[in-house]
Amino acid sequence: MKERVKQYTEQAEFLVHALPYIQRYQGKTMVIKYGGNAMIHRDLTAAVMQDVLFMAFAGMRTVLVHGGGPEIEAMLKALGKESRFVQGLRYTDAATMEIVQMVLCGKVNKDISSLIQQQGGRAVGICGIDGGLLQAHLLRAEEDLGLVGEIERVDSSILTVILDSGAIPVVASVARGVGDAEGLSLNINADMAAARIASALKAEKLLLMTDVPGLLRDVSDPASLIPAITCTELSALKKAGIISRGMIPKTDCCTVALEKGAVKQAHIIDGRLPHALLTALFTDEGIGTMIEAG
């Protein structure tokens, strides 16, 4: 009995502690990039959906943007097609693009929407092609990447309609080709899709869920976590080689979102931890790394 009372007391204390944050963020737009282990493990997936619903029910205009690398990889393997990566990006020929679009837009997107609705929420699953949300040209790189796109324009009007209806938009990172890619579907980096959407919506926060604790000064030492940093400081760390490899595109996405004050804060958080989103939003200590302009 005492243990149960203690548990209830702790739950009540959390809600009371969260109240000022709920008041601060009510009516604000939050864009979440969902991926990594949080998409693979059932318990983590359930926790993310609960967090997203809590945010929505607390009055936040919540947008969930997702990738689906493991699911794409599994389908390619099942079909006997070998994956190839160039500069960390999946080389996407026409056949691979068909699989990417099928998996992301047809399966993963609808699975996530269904999970939200199973828990009592309302979700509308779309991809970047719908309503011209994400319009992209072919990504120009040193090596040919195939049908990989770089976002040229974001038309967020369809997201505004969904948000105004009280539903949660769930966005798959596939774009409509324009210019040199007119009429094609293009594979888009989900982190950058989330960043550009957050900027277009002038979101309060961009939250990138990753498989690391956050931005580390020493990648081999979790205790070297940098809890808060500015874009100027990010640039210095990149020049010093402290930010490298897979963390470079993630911090670049945050910088894009924060440019010209469009987004107030970006967070790189550890999606391997249950309820990472709520911890980032509703506690003084937070989680991961918070990035601000400046």
Protein backbone atom coordinates (compact mmCIF):
# COMPACT_ATOMS: atom_id res chain seq x y z
CA MET A 1 0.00 0.00 0.00
CA LYS A 2 2.80 2.43 0.92
CA GLU A 3 4.60 1.71 -2.35
CA ARG A 4 1.42 2.37 -4.31
CA VAL A 5 0.84 5.68 -2.50
CA LYS A 6 4.46 6.64 -3.17
CA GLN A 7 4.00 5.85 -6.87
CA TYR A 8 0.83 7.93 -7.10
CA THR A 9 2.50 10.80 -5.25
CA GLU A 10 5.45 10.78 -7.66
CA GLN A 11 3.06 10.79 -10.63
CA ALA A 12 1.11 13.71 -9.18
CA GLU A 13 4.33 15.61 -8.47
CA PHE A 14 5.41 15.18 -12.08
CA LEU A 15 2.13 16.62 -13.34
CA VAL A 16 2.36 19.58 -10.98
CA HIS A 17 5.98 20.16 -12.00
CA ALA A 18 4.99 19.95 -15.67
CA LEU A 19 2.17 22.51 -15.34
CA PRO A 20 4.28 25.66 -16.03
CA TYR A 21 5.72 24.00 -19.13
CA ILE A 22 2.26 22.98 -20.33
CA GLN A 23 1.10 26.57 -19.90
CA ARG A 24 4.18 27.86 -21.75
CA TYR A 25 3.84 25.49 -24.71
CA GLN A 26 0.06 25.43 -25.10
CA GLY A 27 -0.82 26.39 -28.67
CA LYS A 28 2.82 26.20 -29.77
CA THR A 29 4.01 24.01 -32.65
CA MET A 30 6.42 21.15 -31.96
CA VAL A 31 8.04 19.18 -34.79
CA ILE A 32 9.44 15.76 -33.91
CA LYS A 33 11.75 13.69 -36.07
CA TYR A 34 11.02 10.07 -35.15
CA GLY A 35 13.53 7.36 -36.02
CA GLY A 36 16.25 5.02 -34.85
CA ASN A 37 15.75 2.52 -32.03
CA ALA A 38 12.56 4.27 -30.97
CA MET A 39 10.96 2.94 -34.16
CA ILE A 40 12.27 -0.60 -33.81
CA HIS A 41 11.61 -1.62 -30.21
CA ARG A 42 7.97 -2.10 -29.24
CA ASP A 43 8.25 -0.64 -25.72
CA LEU A 44 10.02 2.48 -26.99
CA THR A 45 7.50 2.87 -29.80
CA ALA A 46 4.62 2.73 -27.32
CA ALA A 47 6.34 5.33 -25.10
CA VAL A 48 6.85 7.71 -28.04
CA MET A 49 3.19 7.44 -29.05
CA GLN A 50 2.16 8.16 -25.45
CA ASP A 51 4.44 11.20 -25.36
CA VAL A 52 3.08 12.51 -28.66
CA LEU A 53 -0.49 12.10 -27.42
CA PHE A 54 0.31 13.80 -24.11
CA MET A 55 1.75 16.75 -26.04
CA ALA A 56 -1.30 16.97 -28.27
CA PHE A 57 -3.78 16.67 -25.40
CA ALA A 58 -1.80 19.35 -23.53
CA GLY A 59 -2.63 21.73 -26.37
CA MET A 60 0.55 21.56 -28.45
CA ARG A 61 0.32 21.52 -32.24
CA THR A 62 2.38 18.40 -32.79
CA VAL A 63 3.88 17.23 -36.10
CA LEU A 64 5.63 13.86 -36.38
CA VAL A 65 8.12 13.40 -39.25
CA HIS A 66 9.60 9.94 -39.80
CA GLY A 67 12.07 7.96 -41.83
CA GLY A 68 12.23 4.19 -41.90
CA GLY A 69 15.72 2.98 -42.78
CA PRO A 70 15.48 -0.45 -41.10
CA GLU A 71 12.13 -1.21 -42.77
CA ILE A 72 13.47 -0.14 -46.17
CA GLU A 73 16.57 -2.28 -45.65
CA ALA A 74 14.47 -5.29 -44.71
CA MET A 75 12.27 -4.93 -47.81
CA LEU A 76 15.27 -4.51 -50.12
CA LYS A 77 16.82 -7.64 -48.64
CA ALA A 78 13.57 -9.58 -49.01
CA LEU A 79 13.44 -8.58 -52.69
CA GLY A 80 17.07 -9.51 -53.22
CA LYS A 81 18.23 -5.96 -53.88
CA GLU A 82 21.57 -4.82 -52.48
CA SER A 83 21.85 -1.48 -50.66
CA ARG A 84 24.56 1.01 -51.52
CA PHE A 85 25.45 4.14 -49.59
CA VAL A 86 27.29 7.20 -50.89
CA GLN A 87 28.55 9.79 -48.39
CA GLY A 88 26.21 8.31 -45.78
CA LEU A 89 23.14 8.57 -48.02
CA ARG A 90 21.31 5.68 -49.62
CA TYR A 91 21.92 5.51 -53.37
CA THR A 92 18.39 5.52 -54.78
CA ASP A 93 17.84 4.22 -58.30
CA ALA A 94 14.34 4.03 -59.79
CA ALA A 95 13.65 0.54 -58.44
CA THR A 96 14.88 1.46 -54.96
CA MET A 97 12.76 4.62 -55.00
CA GLU A 98 9.65 2.56 -55.67
CA ILE A 99 10.47 0.44 -52.61
CA VAL A 100 11.26 3.52 -50.48
CA GLN A 101 7.94 5.13 -51.40
CA MET A 102 6.01 1.89 -50.84
CA VAL A 103 7.58 1.24 -47.43
CA LEU A 104 7.62 4.79 -46.06
CA CYS A 105 4.33 6.11 -47.44
CA GLY A 106 2.33 2.90 -47.66
CA LYS A 107 3.38 0.95 -44.58
CA VAL A 108 5.44 2.82 -41.97
CA ASN A 109 3.38 5.99 -42.23
CA LYS A 110 0.08 4.18 -41.82
CA ASP A 111 1.42 1.95 -39.04
CA ILE A 112 2.41 5.05 -37.02
CA SER A 113 -0.93 6.74 -37.68
CA SER A 114 -2.71 3.58 -36.56
CA LEU A 115 -0.68 3.37 -33.33
CA ILE A 116 -1.62 6.94 -32.43
CA GLN A 117 -5.30 6.24 -33.07
CA GLN A 118 -5.21 2.99 -31.10
CA GLN A 119 -4.26 5.07 -28.07
CA GLY A 120 -7.11 7.52 -28.55
CA GLY A 121 -5.52 10.18 -30.71
CA ARG A 122 -6.31 11.44 -34.20
CA ALA A 123 -3.60 11.16 -36.83
CA VAL A 124 -3.48 11.97 -40.52
CA GLY A 125 -0.72 10.18 -42.41
CA ILE A 126 0.72 11.99 -45.43
CA CYS A 127 4.01 12.19 -47.31
CA GLY A 128 5.87 15.17 -48.73
CA ILE A 129 4.20 14.68 -52.11
CA ASP A 130 0.71 15.31 -50.70
CA GLY A 131 -0.45 18.89 -51.17
CA GLY A 132 3.01 19.80 -52.51
CA LEU A 133 4.28 19.77 -48.92
CA LEU A 134 7.91 19.01 -49.85
CA GLN A 135 9.21 20.05 -53.26
CA ALA A 136 12.77 19.10 -54.12
CA HIS A 137 15.35 19.02 -56.87
CA LEU A 138 18.00 16.34 -57.29
CA LEU A 139 20.72 16.62 -54.66
CA ARG A 140 23.94 17.75 -56.29
CA ALA A 141 26.91 15.92 -54.81
CA GLU A 142 30.40 14.83 -55.81
CA GLU A 143 29.04 11.37 -56.55
CA ASP A 144 25.74 10.42 -58.16
CA LEU A 145 23.09 9.63 -55.55
CA GLY A 146 20.26 8.79 -57.92
CA LEU A 147 16.81 9.92 -56.84
CA VAL A 148 17.88 11.66 -53.64
CA GLY A 149 16.42 15.12 -53.26
CA GLU A 150 17.30 18.44 -51.70
CA ILE A 151 14.29 20.41 -50.51
CA GLU A 152 13.68 23.56 -52.53
CA ARG A 153 10.32 24.64 -51.11
CA VAL A 154 7.95 23.72 -48.28
CA ASP A 155 4.24 24.41 -48.61
CA SER A 156 3.01 23.87 -45.06
CA SER A 157 -0.62 24.82 -45.77
CA ILE A 158 -1.77 21.18 -45.70
CA LEU A 159 -0.16 20.76 -42.26
CA THR A 160 -1.95 23.86 -41.00
CA VAL A 161 -5.30 22.44 -42.12
CA ILE A 162 -4.61 19.16 -40.32
CA LEU A 163 -3.38 20.89 -37.15
CA ASP A 164 -6.36 23.25 -37.13
CA SER A 165 -8.63 20.20 -37.21
CA GLY A 166 -7.05 18.95 -33.98
CA ALA A 167 -5.25 16.01 -35.59
CA ILE A 168 -1.57 15.06 -35.58
CA PRO A 169 0.12 15.11 -39.02
CA VAL A 170 2.41 12.11 -39.55
CA VAL A 171 4.78 12.90 -42.42
CA ALA A 172 6.83 10.43 -44.47
CA SER A 173 10.04 11.89 -45.91
CA VAL A 174 9.37 11.51 -49.65
CA ALA A 175 9.20 14.66 -51.81
CA ARG A 176 7.72 15.70 -55.14
CA GLY A 177 10.39 16.39 -57.71
CA VAL A 178 10.53 19.81 -59.37
CA GLY A 179 12.88 21.38 -61.89
CA ASP A 180 15.39 18.76 -63.02
CA ALA A 181 13.29 16.11 -61.25
CA GLU A 182 9.82 17.16 -62.43
CA GLY A 183 7.36 14.26 -62.17
CA LEU A 184 9.63 12.11 -60.01
CA SER A 185 9.37 11.05 -56.39
CA LEU A 186 12.55 11.78 -54.41
CA ASN A 187 14.07 10.24 -51.28
CA ILE A 188 14.65 12.93 -48.62
CA ASN A 189 16.72 12.88 -45.44
CA ALA A 190 14.12 12.77 -42.65
CA ASP A 191 16.13 15.02 -40.30
CA MET A 192 16.31 17.76 -42.94
CA ALA A 193 12.63 17.28 -43.82
CA ALA A 194 11.75 17.84 -40.15
CA ALA A 195 14.03 20.88 -39.94
CA ARG A 196 12.56 22.54 -43.03
CA ILE A 197 9.00 21.78 -41.90
CA ALA A 198 9.75 23.23 -38.45
CA SER A 199 11.13 26.38 -40.08
CA ALA A 200 8.10 26.75 -42.38
CA LEU A 201 5.71 26.39 -39.44
CA LYS A 202 7.80 28.71 -37.23
CA ALA A 203 7.77 25.97 -34.62
CA GLU A 204 8.64 26.54 -31.00
CA LYS A 205 10.90 23.50 -31.00
CA LEU A 206 12.44 20.91 -33.29
CA LEU A 207 13.11 17.60 -31.51
CA LEU A 208 15.41 15.09 -33.23
CA MET A 209 15.23 11.60 -31.76
CA THR A 210 18.57 9.80 -32.16
CA ASP A 211 20.45 6.73 -30.92
CA VAL A 212 23.02 8.74 -28.93
CA PRO A 213 22.76 10.71 -25.66
CA GLY A 214 23.10 14.00 -27.51
CA LEU A 215 26.07 16.06 -28.65
CA LEU A 216 29.25 14.76 -26.99
CA ARG A 217 32.68 16.40 -26.70
CA ASP A 218 34.12 12.89 -26.70
CA VAL A 219 32.07 10.30 -28.60
CA SER A 220 33.46 7.53 -26.37
CA ASP A 221 32.42 9.28 -23.14
CA PRO A 222 28.67 9.74 -22.45
CA ALA A 223 29.62 11.97 -19.49
CA SER A 224 30.95 14.57 -21.97
CA LEU A 225 27.41 15.49 -23.03
CA ILE A 226 26.95 19.14 -23.97
CA PRO A 227 23.56 20.09 -22.48
CA ALA A 228 23.21 23.45 -24.25
CA ILE A 229 25.01 25.19 -27.11
CA THR A 230 24.56 27.98 -29.69
CA CYS A 231 24.88 27.75 -33.47
CA THR A 232 28.09 29.82 -33.32
CA GLU A 233 29.59 27.38 -30.83
CA LEU A 234 28.47 24.48 -33.04
CA SER A 235 30.40 25.94 -35.94
CA ALA A 236 33.53 26.19 -33.81
CA LEU A 237 33.23 22.59 -32.63
CA LYS A 238 32.79 21.42 -36.22
CA LYS A 239 35.96 23.25 -37.30
CA ALA A 240 37.79 21.68 -34.37
CA GLY A 241 36.67 18.21 -35.46
CA ILE A 242 34.71 17.59 -32.27
CA ILE A 243 31.49 17.35 -34.28
CA SER A 244 32.08 14.75 -36.97
CA ARG A 245 30.57 11.94 -39.02
CA GLY A 246 26.86 11.30 -38.48
CA MET A 247 26.45 14.19 -36.04
CA ILE A 248 27.37 16.76 -38.72
CA PRO A 249 24.13 16.42 -40.73
CA LYS A 250 22.05 16.43 -37.53
CA THR A 251 23.61 19.65 -36.25
CA ASP A 252 23.35 21.14 -39.75
CA CYS A 253 19.60 20.41 -39.68
CA CYS A 254 19.29 22.19 -36.35
CA THR A 255 21.16 25.20 -37.73
CA VAL A 256 18.84 25.32 -40.75
CA ALA A 257 15.79 25.26 -38.47
CA LEU A 258 17.16 28.02 -36.24
CA GLU A 259 18.19 30.35 -39.06
CA LYS A 260 16.57 33.82 -39.00
CA GLY A 261 14.77 32.97 -35.76
CA ALA A 262 12.21 30.74 -37.46
CA VAL A 263 12.49 28.04 -34.76
CA LYS A 264 13.29 29.01 -31.18
CA GLN A 265 15.09 25.87 -30.01
CA ALA A 266 16.28 22.55 -31.40
CA HIS A 267 16.94 19.46 -29.30
CA ILE A 268 18.98 16.35 -30.08
CA ILE A 269 17.64 13.73 -27.67
CA ASP A 270 18.25 10.07 -26.90
CA GLY A 271 15.31 8.15 -28.35
CA ARG A 272 16.54 4.97 -26.66
CA LEU A 273 15.20 6.28 -23.34
CA PRO A 274 11.48 5.80 -22.57
CA HIS A 275 9.51 9.06 -22.57
CA ALA A 276 12.48 11.05 -23.84
CA LEU A 277 10.14 13.67 -25.37
CA LEU A 278 8.34 14.40 -22.09
CA THR A 279 11.65 14.55 -20.24
CA ALA A 280 12.99 17.07 -22.76
CA LEU A 281 9.89 19.26 -22.56
CA PHE A 282 8.61 19.04 -18.99
CA THR A 283 11.62 18.84 -16.68
CA ASP A 284 14.16 21.44 -15.55
CA GLU A 285 17.07 19.10 -16.24
CA GLY A 286 15.89 18.18 -19.74
CA ILE A 287 17.66 15.55 -21.80
CA GLY A 288 20.19 15.51 -24.62
CA THR A 289 21.47 18.75 -26.16
CA MET A 290 19.49 21.96 -26.61
CA ILE A 291 20.63 24.26 -29.43
CA GLU A 292 19.73 27.92 -29.78
CA ALA A 293 20.54 30.59 -32.35
CA GLY A 294 23.43 32.90 -31.62
